[in-house]
Amino acid sequence: MNSLFPKDKIQFDVPDASIEYYPDFFSNDRANELLDKLIKEIPWQQDVITVYGKKYDQPRLTALYGNEGKPYGYSNIVMQPHQWNPLLMFIKNELEEVCQENFTTVLLNYYRDGKDSNGWHADNEKELGRNPIIASLSFGAERFFHLQHNSLKEQKLKIKLEHGSLLVMKGPTQHFWKHQIPKTTLPIGPRINLTFRIIK
């Protein structure tokens, strides 16, 4: 086991949330290997999103894997899951041992460069239930992850998501906070993010 209960866990002390960060969940060598496999083996797609009546290409590539063919919908997009493959099952098993959860679904995001992004949102879709756990693995270029409390505007977080890192959001986080991955003008390489969740 390469990620057997990482020692370096950072717990953020913020209201109405439980947010944990493991900067070295996977070793650098293992993270390099997994990034290469994810780029090559996942059937990436680019969906069209509708914003204020106008249609745009989503500013990143995505894929969905999960149990029992359960679809997952967000931002007026409904994705049908692929069946788990050996690569994602390996990652899922490593994650479940630390999180002590049985995840049903993973949404994968491929940020090809700094122009790709993910706008302000919360993972609060009804099929995730109350107080969902979202376990987010990052591979590749470091990107800043911004969080903002919905009503306490002075409550903000900015976390640098490192190669091979794990961010876990649970408890009431999705009900009180929103988050984003903003664009950057820095010349950076690709990043892949895997967000594991449980569809009820």
C-alpha atoms as a PDB file:
ATOM      1  CA  MET A   1       0.000   0.000   0.000  1.00  0.00           C
ATOM      2  CA  ASN A   2       1.522   3.298  -1.078  1.00  0.00           C
ATOM      3  CA  SER A   3      -0.911   5.601   0.678  1.00  0.00           C
ATOM      4  CA  LEU A   4      -1.456   3.642   3.883  1.00  0.00           C
ATOM      5  CA  PHE A   5      -2.806   6.213   6.339  1.00  0.00           C
ATOM      6  CA  PRO A   6      -0.714   9.259   5.438  1.00  0.00           C
ATOM      7  CA  LYS A   7       0.783  11.022   8.451  1.00  0.00           C
ATOM      8  CA  ASP A   8       0.493  14.569   7.160  1.00  0.00           C
ATOM      9  CA  LYS A   9      -3.155  15.541   7.566  1.00  0.00           C
ATOM     10  CA  ILE A  10      -4.134  19.203   7.747  1.00  0.00           C
ATOM     11  CA  GLN A  11      -7.509  19.962   9.356  1.00  0.00           C
ATOM     12  CA  PHE A  12      -8.879  23.423   8.569  1.00  0.00           C
ATOM     13  CA  ASP A  13     -10.552  25.237  11.467  1.00  0.00           C
ATOM     14  CA  VAL A  14     -13.468  26.965   9.768  1.00  0.00           C
ATOM     15  CA  PRO A  15     -17.163  27.235  10.713  1.00  0.00           C
ATOM     16  CA  ASP A  16     -19.874  24.977   9.287  1.00  0.00           C
ATOM     17  CA  ALA A  17     -17.414  22.640   7.579  1.00  0.00           C
ATOM     18  CA  SER A  18     -15.122  19.640   7.934  1.00  0.00           C
ATOM     19  CA  ILE A  19     -12.211  19.962   5.501  1.00  0.00           C
ATOM     20  CA  GLU A  20      -9.090  17.766   5.592  1.00  0.00           C
ATOM     21  CA  TYR A  21      -6.042  17.876   3.328  1.00  0.00           C
ATOM     22  CA  TYR A  22      -3.406  15.178   2.787  1.00  0.00           C
ATOM     23  CA  PRO A  23      -0.618  16.772   0.686  1.00  0.00           C
ATOM     24  CA  ASP A  24       1.204  13.494   0.014  1.00  0.00           C
ATOM     25  CA  PHE A  25      -1.554  10.897  -0.236  1.00  0.00           C
ATOM     26  CA  PHE A  26       0.339   9.258  -3.103  1.00  0.00           C
ATOM     27  CA  SER A  27       4.119   9.325  -3.468  1.00  0.00           C
ATOM     28  CA  ASN A  28       5.472  11.445  -6.296  1.00  0.00           C
ATOM     29  CA  ASP A  29       6.482   8.386  -8.344  1.00  0.00           C
ATOM     30  CA  ARG A  30       3.088   6.709  -7.937  1.00  0.00           C
ATOM     31  CA  ALA A  31       1.277   9.980  -8.702  1.00  0.00           C
ATOM     32  CA  ASN A  32       3.316  10.365 -11.922  1.00  0.00           C
ATOM     33  CA  GLU A  33       2.375   6.839 -12.951  1.00  0.00           C
ATOM     34  CA  LEU A  34      -1.323   7.358 -12.210  1.00  0.00           C
ATOM     35  CA  LEU A  35      -1.448  10.703 -14.049  1.00  0.00           C
ATOM     36  CA  ASP A  36       0.003   9.126 -17.192  1.00  0.00           C
ATOM     37  CA  LYS A  37      -2.470   6.242 -17.061  1.00  0.00           C
ATOM     38  CA  LEU A  38      -5.469   8.515 -16.432  1.00  0.00           C
ATOM     39  CA  ILE A  39      -4.626  10.713 -19.423  1.00  0.00           C
ATOM     40  CA  LYS A  40      -4.279   7.692 -21.719  1.00  0.00           C
ATOM     41  CA  GLU A  41      -6.946   5.280 -20.442  1.00  0.00           C
ATOM     42  CA  ILE A  42      -9.984   7.444 -19.612  1.00  0.00           C
ATOM     43  CA  PRO A  43     -12.521   8.180 -22.412  1.00  0.00           C
ATOM     44  CA  TRP A  44     -12.615  11.935 -21.862  1.00  0.00           C
ATOM     45  CA  GLN A  45     -15.560  13.983 -23.155  1.00  0.00           C
ATOM     46  CA  GLN A  46     -16.429  17.679 -23.419  1.00  0.00           C
ATOM     47  CA  ASP A  47     -20.052  18.514 -22.649  1.00  0.00           C
ATOM     48  CA  VAL A  48     -21.995  21.630 -23.595  1.00  0.00           C
ATOM     49  CA  ILE A  49     -23.315  23.741 -20.726  1.00  0.00           C
ATOM     50  CA  THR A  50     -26.055  26.378 -20.816  1.00  0.00           C
ATOM     51  CA  VAL A  51     -25.431  29.646 -18.955  1.00  0.00           C
ATOM     52  CA  TYR A  52     -28.181  32.281 -19.039  1.00  0.00           C
ATOM     53  CA  GLY A  53     -29.617  30.709 -22.172  1.00  0.00           C
ATOM     54  CA  LYS A  54     -26.321  30.538 -24.063  1.00  0.00           C
ATOM     55  CA  LYS A  55     -24.495  27.313 -24.830  1.00  0.00           C
ATOM     56  CA  TYR A  56     -20.760  26.910 -24.210  1.00  0.00           C
ATOM     57  CA  ASP A  57     -18.246  24.093 -24.299  1.00  0.00           C
ATOM     58  CA  GLN A  58     -17.509  23.127 -20.715  1.00  0.00           C
ATOM     59  CA  PRO A  59     -14.019  24.527 -19.886  1.00  0.00           C
ATOM     60  CA  ARG A  60     -12.530  21.115 -19.064  1.00  0.00           C
ATOM     61  CA  LEU A  61     -12.929  17.469 -20.056  1.00  0.00           C
ATOM     62  CA  THR A  62     -14.859  15.016 -17.888  1.00  0.00           C
ATOM     63  CA  ALA A  63     -15.730  11.356 -17.359  1.00  0.00           C
ATOM     64  CA  LEU A  64     -17.984   9.515 -14.919  1.00  0.00           C
ATOM     65  CA  TYR A  65     -17.561   6.030 -13.452  1.00  0.00           C
ATOM     66  CA  GLY A  66     -19.871   4.355 -10.971  1.00  0.00           C
ATOM     67  CA  ASN A  67     -21.959   1.500  -9.649  1.00  0.00           C
ATOM     68  CA  GLU A  68     -25.147   0.064 -11.143  1.00  0.00           C
ATOM     69  CA  GLY A  69     -25.402   2.527 -14.005  1.00  0.00           C
ATOM     70  CA  LYS A  70     -26.612   5.372 -11.751  1.00  0.00           C
ATOM     71  CA  PRO A  71     -26.427   8.680 -13.677  1.00  0.00           C
ATOM     72  CA  TYR A  72     -25.170  11.891 -12.092  1.00  0.00           C
ATOM     73  CA  GLY A  73     -26.492  15.325 -12.971  1.00  0.00           C
ATOM     74  CA  TYR A  74     -25.130  18.823 -12.403  1.00  0.00           C
ATOM     75  CA  SER A  75     -25.423  22.190 -14.214  1.00  0.00           C
ATOM     76  CA  ASN A  76     -28.149  20.750 -16.491  1.00  0.00           C
ATOM     77  CA  ILE A  77     -25.770  17.964 -17.597  1.00  0.00           C
ATOM     78  CA  VAL A  78     -26.718  14.336 -16.967  1.00  0.00           C
ATOM     79  CA  MET A  79     -23.778  11.938 -17.241  1.00  0.00           C
ATOM     80  CA  GLN A  80     -24.046   8.180 -17.629  1.00  0.00           C
ATOM     81  CA  PRO A  81     -21.331   6.241 -15.792  1.00  0.00           C
ATOM     82  CA  HIS A  82     -18.797   3.859 -17.271  1.00  0.00           C
ATOM     83  CA  GLN A  83     -18.131   0.631 -15.377  1.00  0.00           C
ATOM     84  CA  TRP A  84     -15.189   0.707 -12.981  1.00  0.00           C
ATOM     85  CA  ASN A  85     -11.870  -0.214 -14.602  1.00  0.00           C
ATOM     86  CA  PRO A  86      -8.828  -1.723 -12.812  1.00  0.00           C
ATOM     87  CA  LEU A  87      -7.029   1.633 -12.609  1.00  0.00           C
ATOM     88  CA  LEU A  88      -9.906   3.401 -10.873  1.00  0.00           C
ATOM     89  CA  MET A  89     -10.635   0.395  -8.663  1.00  0.00           C
ATOM     90  CA  PHE A  90      -7.043   0.533  -7.382  1.00  0.00           C
ATOM     91  CA  ILE A  91      -7.379   4.248  -6.587  1.00  0.00           C
ATOM     92  CA  LYS A  92     -10.833   3.718  -5.054  1.00  0.00           C
ATOM     93  CA  ASN A  93      -9.583   0.936  -2.743  1.00  0.00           C
ATOM     94  CA  GLU A  94      -6.668   3.078  -1.540  1.00  0.00           C
ATOM     95  CA  LEU A  95      -9.027   5.957  -0.837  1.00  0.00           C
ATOM     96  CA  GLU A  96     -11.667   3.902   0.940  1.00  0.00           C
ATOM     97  CA  GLU A  97      -9.138   2.476   3.370  1.00  0.00           C
ATOM     98  CA  VAL A  98      -8.280   5.974   4.601  1.00  0.00           C
ATOM     99  CA  CYS A  99     -11.742   7.563   4.358  1.00  0.00           C
ATOM    100  CA  GLN A 100     -13.579   4.518   5.756  1.00  0.00           C
ATOM    101  CA  GLU A 101     -16.347   5.002   3.195  1.00  0.00           C
ATOM    102  CA  ASN A 102     -17.690   2.971   0.272  1.00  0.00           C
ATOM    103  CA  PHE A 103     -17.803   5.349  -2.676  1.00  0.00           C
ATOM    104  CA  THR A 104     -20.257   4.591  -5.478  1.00  0.00           C
ATOM    105  CA  THR A 105     -19.190   7.144  -8.075  1.00  0.00           C
ATOM    106  CA  VAL A 106     -16.234   9.201  -9.287  1.00  0.00           C
ATOM    107  CA  LEU A 107     -16.427  12.317 -11.454  1.00  0.00           C
ATOM    108  CA  LEU A 108     -13.127  12.950 -13.243  1.00  0.00           C
ATOM    109  CA  ASN A 109     -12.076  16.400 -14.464  1.00  0.00           C
ATOM    110  CA  TYR A 110      -9.204  17.005 -16.885  1.00  0.00           C
ATOM    111  CA  TYR A 111      -7.875  20.573 -16.816  1.00  0.00           C
ATOM    112  CA  ARG A 112      -5.710  20.714 -19.934  1.00  0.00           C
ATOM    113  CA  ASP A 113      -4.040  24.029 -19.059  1.00  0.00           C
ATOM    114  CA  GLY A 114      -4.647  27.218 -17.060  1.00  0.00           C
ATOM    115  CA  LYS A 115      -7.553  28.224 -19.303  1.00  0.00           C
ATOM    116  CA  ASP A 116      -9.618  25.273 -18.094  1.00  0.00           C
ATOM    117  CA  SER A 117     -11.578  25.946 -14.913  1.00  0.00           C
ATOM    118  CA  ASN A 118     -14.547  25.097 -12.706  1.00  0.00           C
ATOM    119  CA  GLY A 119     -16.811  27.948 -11.565  1.00  0.00           C
ATOM    120  CA  TRP A 120     -18.323  28.573  -8.131  1.00  0.00           C
ATOM    121  CA  HIS A 121     -20.585  25.712  -7.048  1.00  0.00           C
ATOM    122  CA  ALA A 122     -21.369  23.279  -4.242  1.00  0.00           C
ATOM    123  CA  ASP A 123     -21.638  19.504  -4.561  1.00  0.00           C
ATOM    124  CA  ASN A 124     -25.143  19.525  -3.095  1.00  0.00           C
ATOM    125  CA  GLU A 125     -27.185  17.624  -5.668  1.00  0.00           C
ATOM    126  CA  LYS A 126     -30.114  15.819  -4.069  1.00  0.00           C
ATOM    127  CA  GLU A 127     -28.846  12.366  -5.050  1.00  0.00           C
ATOM    128  CA  LEU A 128     -25.809  12.916  -2.771  1.00  0.00           C
ATOM    129  CA  GLY A 129     -28.031  13.185   0.303  1.00  0.00           C
ATOM    130  CA  ARG A 130     -27.487  15.296   3.402  1.00  0.00           C
ATOM    131  CA  ASN A 131     -23.916  16.100   4.496  1.00  0.00           C
ATOM    132  CA  PRO A 132     -22.205  14.296   1.609  1.00  0.00           C
ATOM    133  CA  ILE A 133     -18.540  13.312   1.704  1.00  0.00           C
ATOM    134  CA  ILE A 134     -16.505  14.424  -1.318  1.00  0.00           C
ATOM    135  CA  ALA A 135     -12.987  12.976  -1.573  1.00  0.00           C
ATOM    136  CA  SER A 136     -10.946  14.824  -4.190  1.00  0.00           C
ATOM    137  CA  LEU A 137      -7.636  13.517  -5.556  1.00  0.00           C
ATOM    138  CA  SER A 138      -5.336  15.746  -7.628  1.00  0.00           C
ATOM    139  CA  PHE A 139      -2.668  14.740 -10.139  1.00  0.00           C
ATOM    140  CA  GLY A 140      -0.476  16.957 -12.284  1.00  0.00           C
ATOM    141  CA  ALA A 141      -0.093  20.729 -12.211  1.00  0.00           C
ATOM    142  CA  GLU A 142      -0.815  22.457  -8.913  1.00  0.00           C
ATOM    143  CA  ARG A 143      -3.977  24.578  -8.920  1.00  0.00           C
ATOM    144  CA  PHE A 144      -5.508  26.793  -6.257  1.00  0.00           C
ATOM    145  CA  PHE A 145      -8.833  25.640  -4.795  1.00  0.00           C
ATOM    146  CA  HIS A 146     -10.951  28.520  -3.481  1.00  0.00           C
ATOM    147  CA  LEU A 147     -13.706  28.124  -0.885  1.00  0.00           C
ATOM    148  CA  GLN A 148     -16.173  30.805   0.252  1.00  0.00           C
ATOM    149  CA  HIS A 149     -18.810  30.612   3.005  1.00  0.00           C
ATOM    150  CA  ASN A 150     -22.287  31.357   1.663  1.00  0.00           C
ATOM    151  CA  SER A 151     -23.291  33.880   4.333  1.00  0.00           C
ATOM    152  CA  LEU A 152     -20.116  34.673   6.320  1.00  0.00           C
ATOM    153  CA  LYS A 153     -18.344  36.498   3.512  1.00  0.00           C
ATOM    154  CA  GLU A 154     -15.149  36.971   5.519  1.00  0.00           C
ATOM    155  CA  GLN A 155     -14.762  33.193   5.768  1.00  0.00           C
ATOM    156  CA  LYS A 156     -12.580  32.119   2.828  1.00  0.00           C
ATOM    157  CA  LEU A 157      -9.983  29.428   2.145  1.00  0.00           C
ATOM    158  CA  LYS A 158      -7.394  29.100  -0.605  1.00  0.00           C
ATOM    159  CA  ILE A 159      -5.678  25.707  -0.802  1.00  0.00           C
ATOM    160  CA  LYS A 160      -2.906  24.742  -3.212  1.00  0.00           C
ATOM    161  CA  LEU A 161      -3.825  21.252  -4.448  1.00  0.00           C
ATOM    162  CA  GLU A 162      -0.560  19.432  -4.973  1.00  0.00           C
ATOM    163  CA  HIS A 163       0.360  16.482  -7.206  1.00  0.00           C
ATOM    164  CA  GLY A 164      -0.800  13.273  -5.488  1.00  0.00           C
ATOM    165  CA  SER A 165      -2.812  15.090  -2.807  1.00  0.00           C
ATOM    166  CA  LEU A 166      -6.208  14.336  -1.270  1.00  0.00           C
ATOM    167  CA  LEU A 167      -8.814  16.864  -0.117  1.00  0.00           C
ATOM    168  CA  VAL A 168     -11.795  15.569   1.872  1.00  0.00           C
ATOM    169  CA  MET A 169     -14.914  17.691   2.420  1.00  0.00           C
ATOM    170  CA  LYS A 170     -17.637  16.246   4.631  1.00  0.00           C
ATOM    171  CA  GLY A 171     -20.248  17.116   7.252  1.00  0.00           C
ATOM    172  CA  PRO A 172     -22.188  20.310   6.447  1.00  0.00           C
ATOM    173  CA  THR A 173     -19.505  21.735   4.115  1.00  0.00           C
ATOM    174  CA  GLN A 174     -21.555  21.535   0.894  1.00  0.00           C
ATOM    175  CA  HIS A 175     -24.566  23.217   2.516  1.00  0.00           C
ATOM    176  CA  PHE A 176     -22.650  26.255   3.796  1.00  0.00           C
ATOM    177  CA  TRP A 177     -19.699  26.644   1.414  1.00  0.00           C
ATOM    178  CA  LYS A 178     -19.096  26.900  -2.327  1.00  0.00           C
ATOM    179  CA  HIS A 179     -15.833  26.248  -4.161  1.00  0.00           C
ATOM    180  CA  GLN A 180     -14.089  26.808  -7.492  1.00  0.00           C
ATOM    181  CA  ILE A 181     -10.936  26.182  -9.530  1.00  0.00           C
ATOM    182  CA  PRO A 182     -10.341  29.550 -11.249  1.00  0.00           C
ATOM    183  CA  LYS A 183      -8.511  30.128 -14.503  1.00  0.00           C
ATOM    184  CA  THR A 184      -4.863  31.146 -14.333  1.00  0.00           C
ATOM    185  CA  THR A 185      -2.661  32.993 -16.815  1.00  0.00           C
ATOM    186  CA  LEU A 186       0.385  31.082 -15.587  1.00  0.00           C
ATOM    187  CA  PRO A 187       1.871  28.651 -18.120  1.00  0.00           C
ATOM    188  CA  ILE A 188       0.993  25.375 -16.430  1.00  0.00           C
ATOM    189  CA  GLY A 189       0.587  21.798 -17.528  1.00  0.00           C
ATOM    190  CA  PRO A 190      -2.421  19.492 -17.293  1.00  0.00           C
ATOM    191  CA  ARG A 191      -4.159  18.521 -14.063  1.00  0.00           C
ATOM    192  CA  ILE A 192      -6.553  15.653 -13.429  1.00  0.00           C
ATOM    193  CA  ASN A 193      -8.936  15.701 -10.477  1.00  0.00           C
ATOM    194  CA  LEU A 194     -10.979  12.711  -9.264  1.00  0.00           C
ATOM    195  CA  THR A 195     -13.920  13.537  -6.996  1.00  0.00           C
ATOM    196  CA  PHE A 196     -15.288  10.438  -5.302  1.00  0.00           C
ATOM    197  CA  ARG A 197     -18.799  10.581  -3.889  1.00  0.00           C
ATOM    198  CA  ILE A 198     -21.727   8.434  -2.760  1.00  0.00           C
ATOM    199  CA  ILE A 199     -24.953   8.510  -4.765  1.00  0.00           C
ATOM    200  CA  LYS A 200     -27.867   7.465  -2.591  1.00  0.00           C
END
